[in-house]
Amino acid sequence: MSPAEWNLRQELAACYRLIAHFGMSDLIFTHISVRLPGPEHHFLINPYGLMFDEITASTVVKIDLRGNPVEPAPYPVNPAGFVIHSAIHGAREDAHCVLHTHTRAGCAVAALDCGLLPLNQISMEFYGRVGYHAYEGIALDMDEQQRLVADLGENSVMILRNHGLLTVGSTVAEAFLRMYYLEKACEIQLAAQQAGQVILPPHEVCVHTERQFNAPTRPLKEGELSDLDGMHLAWAALLRLLDRVAPGYRD
């Protein structure tokens, strides 16, 4: 095993542990995957049957785009996970990590006609960058893959109607942090809608805020600052958290 693969295994195992730690898991269901370097498009995914807080670097399963194990493994792969993740890994070169959840808040917003609203600074990270995929049943039909990919488009986030949330990232850290804040955005929206009449910021403000989040290296106006290191600092802090509370993920 190459050092690059072992590092990705540790990052993926960390992501599973963090999803469990922050209450975003669904028993043994839902899935996170990361693509390995190389032209084969092999990717790593969870061993079907393990709780997320049990997953370690050595237990994640390596499969190809057809769902076949690349090497012997004692665990099967969630078939719905294969359908969703292989479709996106095969179609999006930039989607190195794909993360899917069934959280209470995420499923609730996925069932709302309005979808995700730009109600707060957190949700504005995703302004104009959310795809929507209509519910077709449990993702066990291979012909759904083309529609999943088309509905995701070039977005980094997709809301699976009546189902849940999905994020992609160029790194495990990017996909996780997008999911963490997408989940918080859903929670805040539900709380605000329950409390009373909501206020939507102007379109221009939403666009500006989205650029602040997603294009920190863009040309800046005079007196405007940029935060280039936030994501890296947050991921490093999250790994330190795991090293304190669940260091076994590295095994």
Protein backbone atom coordinates (compact mmCIF):
# COMPACT_ATOMS: atom_id res chain seq x y z
CA MET A 1 0.00 0.00 0.00
CA SER A 2 1.36 3.39 -0.98
CA PRO A 3 1.77 6.18 1.59
CA ALA A 4 -0.79 8.20 -0.39
CA GLU A 5 -3.42 5.47 -0.06
CA TRP A 6 -2.76 4.99 3.65
CA ASN A 7 -3.10 8.73 4.23
CA LEU A 8 -6.44 8.79 2.38
CA ARG A 9 -7.62 5.78 4.38
CA GLN A 10 -6.87 7.63 7.60
CA GLU A 11 -8.63 10.78 6.39
CA LEU A 12 -11.69 8.79 5.30
CA ALA A 13 -11.82 6.92 8.61
CA ALA A 14 -11.54 10.28 10.39
CA CYS A 15 -14.47 11.59 8.36
CA TYR A 16 -16.64 8.62 9.38
CA ARG A 17 -15.73 9.13 13.03
CA LEU A 18 -16.51 12.87 12.80
CA ILE A 19 -19.89 12.24 11.18
CA ALA A 20 -20.69 9.91 14.08
CA HIS A 21 -19.29 12.35 16.67
CA PHE A 22 -21.47 15.21 15.44
CA GLY A 23 -24.62 13.06 15.27
CA MET A 24 -24.93 12.89 11.48
CA SER A 25 -24.77 9.09 11.06
CA ASP A 26 -27.64 6.67 10.37
CA LEU A 27 -26.62 3.37 12.00
CA ILE A 28 -24.68 1.43 9.32
CA PHE A 29 -26.36 3.27 6.45
CA THR A 30 -25.29 6.26 4.32
CA HIS A 31 -21.78 6.45 2.98
CA ILE A 32 -18.63 8.46 2.40
CA SER A 33 -16.09 7.65 -0.29
CA VAL A 34 -12.74 8.96 -1.50
CA ARG A 35 -11.12 8.30 -4.86
CA LEU A 36 -7.59 6.98 -4.98
CA PRO A 37 -4.92 8.49 -7.25
CA GLY A 38 -4.48 6.82 -10.61
CA PRO A 39 -6.37 6.24 -13.86
CA GLU A 40 -8.33 3.24 -12.52
CA HIS A 41 -10.83 5.40 -10.58
CA HIS A 42 -10.66 3.01 -7.64
CA PHE A 43 -12.25 4.42 -4.53
CA LEU A 44 -12.53 3.68 -0.83
CA ILE A 45 -15.89 3.32 0.91
CA ASN A 46 -17.22 2.08 4.24
CA PRO A 47 -17.42 -1.61 5.10
CA TYR A 48 -21.16 -2.34 5.10
CA GLY A 49 -22.21 -3.50 8.55
CA LEU A 50 -19.92 -1.37 10.72
CA MET A 51 -21.16 1.61 12.70
CA PHE A 52 -19.37 4.79 11.71
CA ASP A 53 -17.57 5.01 15.04
CA GLU A 54 -16.09 1.54 14.41
CA ILE A 55 -14.50 2.34 11.06
CA THR A 56 -10.71 2.48 10.85
CA ALA A 57 -8.18 3.12 8.11
CA SER A 58 -7.60 -0.60 7.58
CA THR A 59 -11.28 -1.60 7.41
CA VAL A 60 -12.42 0.70 4.58
CA VAL A 61 -13.05 -1.23 1.35
CA LYS A 62 -11.40 -0.55 -2.02
CA ILE A 63 -13.69 -1.04 -5.05
CA ASP A 64 -13.77 -0.14 -8.74
CA LEU A 65 -16.44 1.79 -10.65
CA ARG A 66 -18.36 -1.46 -11.25
CA GLY A 67 -18.54 -2.20 -7.54
CA ASN A 68 -16.03 -5.04 -7.60
CA PRO A 69 -13.58 -5.37 -4.69
CA VAL A 70 -10.07 -4.52 -5.84
CA GLU A 71 -8.59 -6.69 -3.12
CA PRO A 72 -10.00 -9.27 -0.68
CA ALA A 73 -12.10 -7.76 2.11
CA PRO A 74 -14.18 -9.36 4.87
CA TYR A 75 -16.97 -6.81 4.43
CA PRO A 76 -19.50 -6.14 1.63
CA VAL A 77 -20.35 -2.69 0.23
CA ASN A 78 -23.71 -0.95 0.62
CA PRO A 79 -25.29 -1.31 -2.87
CA ALA A 80 -27.00 2.09 -2.71
CA GLY A 81 -23.68 3.59 -1.74
CA PHE A 82 -22.08 2.06 -4.79
CA VAL A 83 -24.79 3.39 -7.13
CA ILE A 84 -24.51 6.97 -5.87
CA HIS A 85 -20.78 7.22 -5.32
CA SER A 86 -19.56 5.40 -8.41
CA ALA A 87 -21.75 7.65 -10.56
CA ILE A 88 -20.26 10.84 -9.16
CA HIS A 89 -16.66 9.61 -8.99
CA GLY A 90 -16.92 8.45 -12.60
CA ALA A 91 -18.33 11.74 -13.86
CA ARG A 92 -16.59 14.43 -11.80
CA GLU A 93 -12.79 14.50 -11.78
CA ASP A 94 -12.86 17.12 -9.02
CA ALA A 95 -15.13 15.02 -6.78
CA HIS A 96 -12.39 13.19 -4.91
CA CYS A 97 -14.61 12.79 -1.83
CA VAL A 98 -18.39 12.21 -1.84
CA LEU A 99 -20.39 12.38 1.41
CA HIS A 100 -24.07 11.45 1.88
CA THR A 101 -26.22 11.75 5.03
CA HIS A 102 -29.78 11.08 6.25
CA THR A 103 -29.98 13.57 9.11
CA ARG A 104 -33.23 14.82 10.61
CA ALA A 105 -32.66 18.43 9.53
CA GLY A 106 -31.31 17.46 6.12
CA CYS A 107 -34.23 15.14 5.36
CA ALA A 108 -36.68 17.81 6.55
CA VAL A 109 -35.29 20.51 4.25
CA ALA A 110 -35.15 17.95 1.43
CA ALA A 111 -38.93 17.59 1.87
CA LEU A 112 -39.61 21.34 1.66
CA ASP A 113 -40.70 22.83 -1.66
CA CYS A 114 -38.51 25.89 -1.03
CA GLY A 115 -35.35 23.82 -0.53
CA LEU A 116 -32.42 25.52 1.16
CA LEU A 117 -32.94 29.24 1.77
CA PRO A 118 -30.21 31.90 2.26
CA LEU A 119 -31.40 32.71 5.76
CA ASN A 120 -28.06 33.11 7.46
CA GLN A 121 -24.36 33.52 6.82
CA ILE A 122 -23.79 29.76 6.99
CA SER A 123 -26.33 28.93 4.29
CA MET A 124 -24.99 31.64 1.98
CA GLU A 125 -21.88 29.53 1.39
CA PHE A 126 -24.17 27.41 -0.81
CA TYR A 127 -26.06 30.22 -2.55
CA GLY A 128 -26.57 29.27 -6.20
CA ARG A 129 -24.45 26.15 -5.70
CA VAL A 130 -27.07 23.53 -4.77
CA GLY A 131 -28.39 20.86 -7.12
CA TYR A 132 -31.70 19.07 -6.51
CA HIS A 133 -32.47 15.45 -7.39
CA ALA A 134 -36.04 14.15 -7.39
CA TYR A 135 -36.73 11.07 -5.29
CA GLU A 136 -36.88 7.83 -7.27
CA GLY A 137 -36.85 5.29 -4.44
CA ILE A 138 -33.88 3.63 -2.74
CA ALA A 139 -30.85 4.19 -4.98
CA LEU A 140 -30.56 0.64 -6.27
CA ASP A 141 -31.29 1.28 -9.96
CA MET A 142 -28.22 1.79 -12.12
CA ASP A 143 -30.14 3.90 -14.63
CA GLU A 144 -30.60 6.55 -11.92
CA GLN A 145 -26.89 7.31 -12.08
CA GLN A 146 -27.16 9.53 -15.15
CA ARG A 147 -29.87 11.63 -13.53
CA LEU A 148 -27.90 11.94 -10.30
CA VAL A 149 -24.90 13.25 -12.20
CA ALA A 150 -27.00 15.60 -14.33
CA ASP A 151 -28.77 17.06 -11.29
CA LEU A 152 -25.52 17.58 -9.40
CA GLY A 153 -24.01 19.34 -12.42
CA GLU A 154 -21.01 21.42 -11.40
CA ASN A 155 -22.36 22.04 -7.90
CA SER A 156 -20.57 21.03 -4.72
CA VAL A 157 -23.83 20.26 -2.88
CA MET A 158 -26.97 18.35 -3.78
CA ILE A 159 -30.23 17.95 -1.90
CA LEU A 160 -31.78 14.58 -2.61
CA ARG A 161 -35.50 15.32 -2.43
CA ASN A 162 -37.33 13.32 0.29
CA HIS A 163 -34.02 11.60 1.03
CA GLY A 164 -31.07 13.57 2.39
CA LEU A 165 -27.96 15.61 1.69
CA LEU A 166 -24.84 15.11 -0.43
CA THR A 167 -21.59 17.05 -0.69
CA VAL A 168 -18.48 16.61 -2.80
CA GLY A 169 -15.01 17.98 -2.31
CA SER A 170 -11.53 17.97 -3.79
CA THR A 171 -10.41 16.65 -0.39
CA VAL A 172 -12.01 14.76 2.48
CA ALA A 173 -11.72 17.91 4.60
CA GLU A 174 -13.58 19.99 2.03
CA ALA A 175 -16.45 17.50 1.68
CA PHE A 176 -16.78 17.13 5.46
CA LEU A 177 -16.77 20.85 6.23
CA ARG A 178 -19.34 21.47 3.51
CA MET A 179 -21.57 18.80 5.04
CA TYR A 180 -21.04 20.11 8.58
CA TYR A 181 -22.16 23.60 7.57
CA LEU A 182 -24.89 22.39 5.20
CA GLU A 183 -26.36 20.48 8.15
CA LYS A 184 -26.15 23.57 10.37
CA ALA A 185 -27.80 25.65 7.65
CA CYS A 186 -30.69 23.16 7.54
CA GLU A 187 -31.04 23.20 11.33
CA ILE A 188 -31.09 27.01 11.43
CA GLN A 189 -33.64 27.20 8.61
CA LEU A 190 -36.04 24.83 10.34
CA ALA A 191 -35.72 26.76 13.62
CA ALA A 192 -36.30 30.11 11.88
CA GLN A 193 -39.29 28.88 9.88
CA GLN A 194 -40.88 27.50 13.03
CA ALA A 195 -40.34 30.75 14.92
CA GLY A 196 -42.05 33.10 12.47
CA GLN A 197 -41.70 35.14 9.29
CA VAL A 198 -38.17 34.87 7.88
CA ILE A 199 -36.08 37.64 6.31
CA LEU A 200 -34.11 36.95 3.12
CA PRO A 201 -31.04 39.14 2.46
CA PRO A 202 -30.78 40.86 -0.94
CA HIS A 203 -29.54 38.77 -3.86
CA GLU A 204 -26.41 40.92 -4.22
CA VAL A 205 -25.42 40.31 -0.60
CA CYS A 206 -25.94 36.57 -0.98
CA VAL A 207 -23.77 36.48 -4.10
CA HIS A 208 -21.03 38.49 -2.40
CA THR A 209 -21.05 36.24 0.66
CA GLU A 210 -20.92 33.09 -1.46
CA ARG A 211 -17.83 34.47 -3.21
CA GLN A 212 -16.21 35.28 0.13
CA PHE A 213 -16.63 31.64 1.12
CA ASN A 214 -15.76 29.94 -2.16
CA ALA A 215 -13.38 32.28 -3.96
CA PRO A 216 -11.02 33.67 -1.31
CA THR A 217 -8.25 34.15 -3.90
CA ARG A 218 -10.39 36.37 -6.18
CA PRO A 219 -9.24 39.97 -6.72
CA LEU A 220 -10.17 41.89 -3.59
CA LYS A 221 -11.51 45.39 -3.26
CA GLU A 222 -9.46 47.96 -1.39
CA GLY A 223 -9.79 47.33 2.32
CA GLU A 224 -11.28 43.83 1.85
CA LEU A 225 -9.65 40.95 3.70
CA SER A 226 -9.57 37.25 2.85
CA ASP A 227 -9.41 34.08 4.96
CA LEU A 228 -7.30 31.56 3.06
CA ASP A 229 -6.44 29.21 5.92
CA GLY A 230 -9.75 28.66 7.67
CA MET A 231 -10.58 25.26 6.19
CA HIS A 232 -7.10 23.84 6.82
CA LEU A 233 -7.07 25.13 10.39
CA ALA A 234 -10.54 23.71 11.05
CA TRP A 235 -9.64 20.25 9.67
CA ALA A 236 -6.44 20.16 11.73
CA ALA A 237 -8.47 21.04 14.83
CA LEU A 238 -10.98 18.29 14.03
CA LEU A 239 -8.18 15.71 13.74
CA ARG A 240 -6.85 16.86 17.11
CA LEU A 241 -10.33 16.35 18.53
CA LEU A 242 -10.38 12.77 17.20
CA ASP A 243 -6.90 12.10 18.57
CA ARG A 244 -8.29 12.98 22.00
CA VAL A 245 -11.63 11.15 21.87
CA ALA A 246 -11.24 8.37 19.24
CA PRO A 247 -7.60 7.86 18.22
CA GLY A 248 -8.27 4.31 16.97
CA TYR A 249 -9.46 5.60 13.60
CA ARG A 250 -5.85 5.64 12.40
CA ASP A 251 -5.41 1.86 12.82
